[in-house]
Amino acid sequence: MNFYIIIPAHNEHDSIGITLDSLIHQTLLPKKVVVVNDNSTDETQEIVESFSSKHHYIHLINSKSSNEHLPGSKIIQAFYKGFETLDEHYDAICKFDADLIFPPNYLETLSKHFISNPKLGMVSGFCYIEKNGEWILENLTRKDHIRGALKAYKKACFLQIGKLKPSMGWDTVDELLAKYYGWELLTDAFLKVKHLKPTGISYNKASKYMQGEAMYKMRYGFVITLISALKLAYKKQGVSLFKDYMNGYFKAKKEKIAFLVSEEEGKFIRNLRWKGMMNSLK
């Protein structure tokens, strides 16, 4: 399979070289890797250029946006800066973070999964973070959720879900829409990816409100948002986060912010969420 990879990067000089090194040593090499250097003020550009000068499939794009680190729209807008430079000759497209170390067989294993299951729309490994000198499973990792850090989409699925939404919650709504259109998702626990910076480490206060806003835009409704906000705040071990999420939800509702999904898709999403919650109680 032809893998095209897009990596948004903002001030990633400590990690982007390590990420690219893990990609050039894959048993199945990617056909194209585009690093979108988004307004970096460090040596990110120089590091990527050193790789692109030696490997023809690695490309650098310099982009300008704000220095503020916000999840969602900023990341996906950078992704599209890279996507616009690509042709259509890909079988799978990936949005990877710039702080990951992939095992050598990562892309080859994804390819085998995609080929063996025509209904498989998205696949990934699991994220591990370093703690006290050991690599442990990151606590946001779930077997039924593909992390935003390492998304890989089969081309037909990527196009059918309308590509990626430039909004907080994009890495949840893509999965929900994939299921709406009948695609399957897979996380391979044997593919252990090292995540050099834990998720959310540089998010600011505004981004925390955006999580609740995203729940509103996905048409969760009040009760599902309440339960989801409680679970997420508990996982992140921050009681105040629950208040932030709910404030974000009510603020979005008051301002009548545009939804990310249609009414029919929203109904499907709520039913899917309720089903998942009921199964977790069994």
Protein backbone atom coordinates (compact mmCIF):
# COMPACT_ATOMS: atom_id res chain seq x y z
CA MET A 1 0.00 0.00 0.00
CA ASN A 2 1.04 3.58 -0.64
CA PHE A 3 1.16 5.49 2.64
CA TYR A 4 1.14 9.29 2.60
CA ILE A 5 1.97 10.85 5.98
CA ILE A 6 1.35 14.42 7.13
CA ILE A 7 3.02 15.68 10.31
CA PRO A 8 2.04 19.09 11.72
CA ALA A 9 4.96 20.44 13.77
CA HIS A 10 5.35 23.49 16.00
CA ASN A 11 8.64 23.88 17.87
CA GLU A 12 9.41 20.16 17.81
CA HIS A 13 13.22 20.29 17.54
CA ASP A 14 13.57 17.87 20.45
CA SER A 15 11.50 15.14 18.80
CA ILE A 16 10.87 15.60 15.05
CA GLY A 17 14.25 14.09 14.14
CA ILE A 18 13.53 11.02 16.24
CA THR A 19 10.09 10.64 14.64
CA LEU A 20 11.45 10.94 11.11
CA ASP A 21 14.28 8.53 11.91
CA SER A 22 11.72 5.91 12.96
CA LEU A 23 9.85 6.43 9.67
CA ILE A 24 12.90 6.08 7.40
CA HIS A 25 13.64 2.74 9.06
CA GLN A 26 10.23 1.20 8.38
CA THR A 27 10.12 -2.23 6.77
CA LEU A 28 7.49 -0.71 4.45
CA LEU A 29 8.63 2.80 3.61
CA PRO A 30 6.06 5.58 3.21
CA LYS A 31 5.66 6.98 -0.30
CA LYS A 32 5.47 10.55 0.97
CA VAL A 33 6.05 12.29 4.29
CA VAL A 34 5.10 15.97 4.52
CA VAL A 35 6.14 17.91 7.62
CA VAL A 36 4.21 21.16 8.01
CA ASN A 37 6.45 23.45 10.02
CA ASP A 38 3.82 25.64 11.64
CA ASN A 39 5.42 28.91 12.76
CA SER A 40 8.26 27.25 14.66
CA THR A 41 10.86 29.48 16.28
CA ASP A 42 13.36 26.72 17.01
CA GLU A 43 15.42 24.39 14.77
CA THR A 44 12.47 22.32 13.51
CA GLN A 45 12.94 23.55 9.93
CA GLU A 46 16.66 22.79 9.83
CA ILE A 47 16.16 19.28 11.20
CA VAL A 48 13.47 18.43 8.65
CA GLU A 49 15.59 19.88 5.83
CA SER A 50 18.46 17.60 6.83
CA PHE A 51 16.15 14.61 6.33
CA SER A 52 14.53 15.87 3.12
CA SER A 53 17.96 16.41 1.55
CA LYS A 54 18.73 12.71 2.00
CA HIS A 55 15.30 11.13 1.48
CA HIS A 56 13.33 12.16 -1.61
CA TYR A 57 9.95 11.23 -0.09
CA ILE A 58 10.31 13.63 2.86
CA HIS A 59 9.09 17.18 2.20
CA LEU A 60 8.97 20.38 4.26
CA ILE A 61 6.27 23.04 4.12
CA ASN A 62 6.63 26.23 6.14
CA SER A 63 3.39 27.72 7.41
CA LYS A 64 2.47 30.72 9.55
CA SER A 65 -0.18 30.66 12.27
CA SER A 66 -0.41 31.83 15.87
CA ASN A 67 2.07 30.63 18.49
CA GLU A 68 -0.80 29.63 20.76
CA HIS A 69 -0.96 25.85 21.20
CA LEU A 70 -4.60 24.94 20.68
CA PRO A 71 -5.81 21.44 19.80
CA GLY A 72 -8.18 20.90 16.91
CA SER A 73 -8.44 23.68 14.36
CA LYS A 74 -4.77 24.75 14.39
CA ILE A 75 -3.54 21.18 13.96
CA ILE A 76 -6.01 20.28 11.22
CA GLN A 77 -5.44 23.52 9.34
CA ALA A 78 -1.75 22.64 9.32
CA PHE A 79 -2.67 19.13 8.16
CA TYR A 80 -4.55 20.58 5.18
CA LYS A 81 -1.57 22.76 4.24
CA GLY A 82 0.26 19.48 3.74
CA PHE A 83 -2.67 17.65 2.16
CA GLU A 84 -3.03 20.32 -0.52
CA THR A 85 0.44 19.46 -1.83
CA LEU A 86 -0.31 15.77 -2.33
CA ASP A 87 -1.57 13.89 -5.37
CA GLU A 88 -4.33 11.26 -5.20
CA HIS A 89 -2.13 8.20 -5.57
CA TYR A 90 -2.37 7.10 -1.96
CA ASP A 91 -4.04 4.01 -0.50
CA ALA A 92 -3.85 5.25 3.09
CA ILE A 93 -3.30 8.67 4.56
CA CYS A 94 -1.90 9.31 8.03
CA LYS A 95 -1.93 12.29 10.36
CA PHE A 96 0.92 11.72 12.81
CA ASP A 97 2.24 13.87 15.63
CA ALA A 98 5.84 15.06 15.59
CA ASP A 99 6.76 13.37 18.88
CA LEU A 100 6.31 9.67 18.16
CA ILE A 101 8.71 6.75 17.80
CA PHE A 102 7.24 4.01 15.61
CA PRO A 103 8.35 0.37 15.74
CA PRO A 104 10.05 -0.68 12.44
CA ASN A 105 7.12 -2.85 11.32
CA TYR A 106 4.45 -0.22 11.99
CA LEU A 107 3.41 0.71 8.44
CA GLU A 108 3.83 -2.84 7.17
CA THR A 109 1.48 -4.11 9.88
CA LEU A 110 -1.09 -1.39 9.14
CA SER A 111 -0.94 -2.35 5.47
CA LYS A 112 -1.61 -6.01 6.28
CA HIS A 113 -4.61 -5.04 8.41
CA PHE A 114 -6.07 -2.82 5.69
CA ILE A 115 -5.56 -5.42 2.96
CA SER A 116 -6.98 -8.32 4.99
CA ASN A 117 -10.18 -6.44 5.88
CA PRO A 118 -11.90 -4.42 3.11
CA LYS A 119 -14.24 -2.85 5.71
CA LEU A 120 -11.39 -1.54 7.86
CA GLY A 121 -11.39 2.24 7.64
CA MET A 122 -8.96 3.24 10.40
CA VAL A 123 -6.19 1.47 12.29
CA SER A 124 -3.41 2.28 14.76
CA GLY A 125 -1.18 1.00 17.51
CA PHE A 126 -1.12 2.02 21.19
CA CYS A 127 0.66 5.01 22.72
CA TYR A 128 3.20 4.54 25.52
CA ILE A 129 4.76 7.28 27.64
CA GLU A 130 7.92 7.22 29.75
CA LYS A 131 7.45 7.30 33.49
CA ASN A 132 10.17 6.62 36.07
CA GLY A 133 12.42 5.16 33.39
CA GLU A 134 9.78 2.76 32.04
CA TRP A 135 7.45 2.94 29.04
CA ILE A 136 3.85 2.52 30.21
CA LEU A 137 0.52 2.63 28.41
CA GLU A 138 -0.75 6.22 28.24
CA ASN A 139 -3.89 6.44 30.35
CA LEU A 140 -5.99 8.01 27.55
CA THR A 141 -5.45 4.92 25.39
CA ARG A 142 -8.49 2.71 24.77
CA LYS A 143 -8.86 -0.28 22.51
CA ASP A 144 -11.97 1.27 20.92
CA HIS A 145 -10.39 4.65 20.16
CA ILE A 146 -7.63 5.63 17.74
CA ARG A 147 -5.62 8.47 19.22
CA GLY A 148 -5.36 11.75 17.35
CA ALA A 149 -1.58 11.42 17.55
CA LEU A 150 -1.44 8.48 15.15
CA LYS A 151 -4.39 8.39 12.78
CA ALA A 152 -4.25 6.18 9.67
CA TYR A 153 -7.20 6.12 7.24
CA LYS A 154 -8.00 3.98 4.24
CA LYS A 155 -8.52 6.39 1.34
CA ALA A 156 -12.20 5.51 0.73
CA CYS A 157 -13.04 5.98 4.42
CA PHE A 158 -11.13 9.26 4.64
CA LEU A 159 -13.07 10.69 1.70
CA GLN A 160 -16.47 9.34 2.76
CA ILE A 161 -16.33 10.93 6.22
CA GLY A 162 -15.56 14.27 4.61
CA LYS A 163 -11.88 14.15 5.60
CA LEU A 164 -10.97 15.87 8.89
CA LYS A 165 -12.96 18.53 10.72
CA PRO A 166 -10.95 21.63 11.73
CA SER A 167 -12.26 21.60 15.28
CA MET A 168 -11.54 20.28 18.75
CA GLY A 169 -13.00 16.78 18.80
CA TRP A 170 -11.95 16.01 15.23
CA ASP A 171 -10.32 12.75 16.38
CA THR A 172 -13.59 11.53 17.87
CA VAL A 173 -16.04 12.69 15.23
CA ASP A 174 -13.99 11.00 12.49
CA GLU A 175 -14.45 7.63 14.21
CA LEU A 176 -18.15 8.19 14.85
CA LEU A 177 -18.73 9.13 11.21
CA ALA A 178 -16.68 6.15 10.04
CA LYS A 179 -18.97 3.86 12.04
CA TYR A 180 -22.01 5.72 10.69
CA TYR A 181 -20.90 4.81 7.16
CA GLY A 182 -20.23 1.19 8.10
CA TRP A 183 -16.45 1.22 8.44
CA GLU A 184 -14.62 -0.76 11.11
CA LEU A 185 -11.84 0.49 13.41
CA LEU A 186 -8.90 -1.47 14.79
CA THR A 187 -6.26 -0.82 17.43
CA ASP A 188 -3.37 -3.29 17.44
CA ALA A 189 -2.02 -3.68 20.98
CA PHE A 190 1.15 -5.32 19.63
CA LEU A 191 2.14 -2.08 17.90
CA LYS A 192 3.70 -0.07 20.71
CA VAL A 193 4.36 3.55 19.77
CA LYS A 194 6.44 5.71 22.08
CA HIS A 195 4.77 9.09 22.73
CA LEU A 196 7.47 11.52 23.81
CA LYS A 197 5.11 14.21 25.12
CA PRO A 198 1.92 13.19 26.96
CA THR A 199 -1.28 14.45 25.36
CA GLY A 200 -2.43 17.86 26.54
CA ILE A 201 0.82 18.81 28.26
CA SER A 202 0.88 22.22 26.55
CA TYR A 203 -2.85 22.91 26.26
CA ASN A 204 -4.01 26.17 27.79
CA LYS A 205 -7.20 27.16 29.60
CA ALA A 206 -9.05 28.07 26.40
CA SER A 207 -8.41 24.62 24.92
CA LYS A 208 -9.98 22.96 27.95
CA TYR A 209 -13.21 24.84 27.36
CA MET A 210 -13.06 23.66 23.76
CA GLN A 211 -13.48 20.04 24.84
CA GLY A 212 -17.00 20.80 26.07
CA GLU A 213 -17.68 22.82 22.95
CA ALA A 214 -16.69 19.81 20.86
CA MET A 215 -19.19 17.61 22.72
CA TYR A 216 -21.90 20.12 21.88
CA LYS A 217 -20.85 20.24 18.21
CA MET A 218 -21.02 16.44 18.00
CA ARG A 219 -24.64 16.63 19.22
CA TYR A 220 -23.97 14.59 22.37
CA GLY A 221 -26.74 16.33 24.30
CA PHE A 222 -26.57 17.27 27.99
CA VAL A 223 -26.61 13.85 29.68
CA ILE A 224 -23.97 12.20 27.47
CA THR A 225 -21.81 15.32 27.74
CA LEU A 226 -22.14 15.22 31.54
CA ILE A 227 -21.04 11.58 31.71
CA SER A 228 -18.26 12.03 29.13
CA ALA A 229 -16.93 15.12 30.92
CA LEU A 230 -16.84 13.25 34.24
CA LYS A 231 -14.97 10.31 32.72
CA LEU A 232 -12.45 12.51 30.90
CA ALA A 233 -11.77 14.70 33.93
CA TYR A 234 -11.25 11.55 36.04
CA LYS A 235 -8.80 10.08 33.51
CA LYS A 236 -6.83 13.33 33.39
CA GLN A 237 -6.97 13.53 37.21
CA GLY A 238 -8.28 17.08 37.22
CA VAL A 239 -11.53 17.80 39.06
CA SER A 240 -11.56 21.38 37.78
CA LEU A 241 -11.50 20.08 34.21
CA PHE A 242 -15.07 18.82 34.61
CA LYS A 243 -16.21 22.37 35.27
CA ASP A 244 -14.23 23.62 32.27
CA TYR A 245 -15.80 21.02 29.97
CA MET A 246 -19.35 21.78 31.09
CA ASN A 247 -18.78 25.53 30.85
CA GLY A 248 -17.56 24.99 27.29
CA TYR A 249 -20.66 22.97 26.45
CA PHE A 250 -23.11 25.55 27.84
CA LYS A 251 -21.22 28.41 26.22
CA ALA A 252 -21.43 26.71 22.81
CA LYS A 253 -25.12 25.98 23.32
CA LYS A 254 -25.85 29.58 24.28
CA GLU A 255 -23.96 30.91 21.25
CA LYS A 256 -25.58 28.28 18.99
CA ILE A 257 -22.25 27.28 17.46
CA ALA A 258 -22.54 25.26 14.24
CA PHE A 259 -22.66 21.48 14.62
CA LEU A 260 -20.02 19.20 13.09
CA VAL A 261 -22.55 16.52 12.15
CA SER A 262 -26.04 16.37 10.69
CA GLU A 263 -29.14 15.66 12.77
CA GLU A 264 -29.27 12.07 11.51
CA GLU A 265 -25.57 11.55 12.20
CA GLY A 266 -26.07 13.07 15.66
CA LYS A 267 -28.84 10.61 16.46
CA PHE A 268 -26.59 7.72 15.39
CA ILE A 269 -23.76 9.10 17.54
CA ARG A 270 -25.97 9.41 20.65
CA ASN A 271 -27.26 5.87 20.22
CA LEU A 272 -23.72 4.61 19.78
CA ARG A 273 -22.57 6.43 22.89
CA TRP A 274 -25.45 5.08 24.99
CA LYS A 275 -24.75 1.56 23.75
CA GLY A 276 -21.08 1.90 24.72
CA MET A 277 -21.97 3.18 28.17
CA MET A 278 -24.44 0.37 28.79
CA ASN A 279 -21.89 -2.24 27.69
CA SER A 280 -19.30 -0.80 30.07
CA LEU A 281 -21.68 -1.40 32.98
CA LYS A 282 -22.09 -5.09 32.22
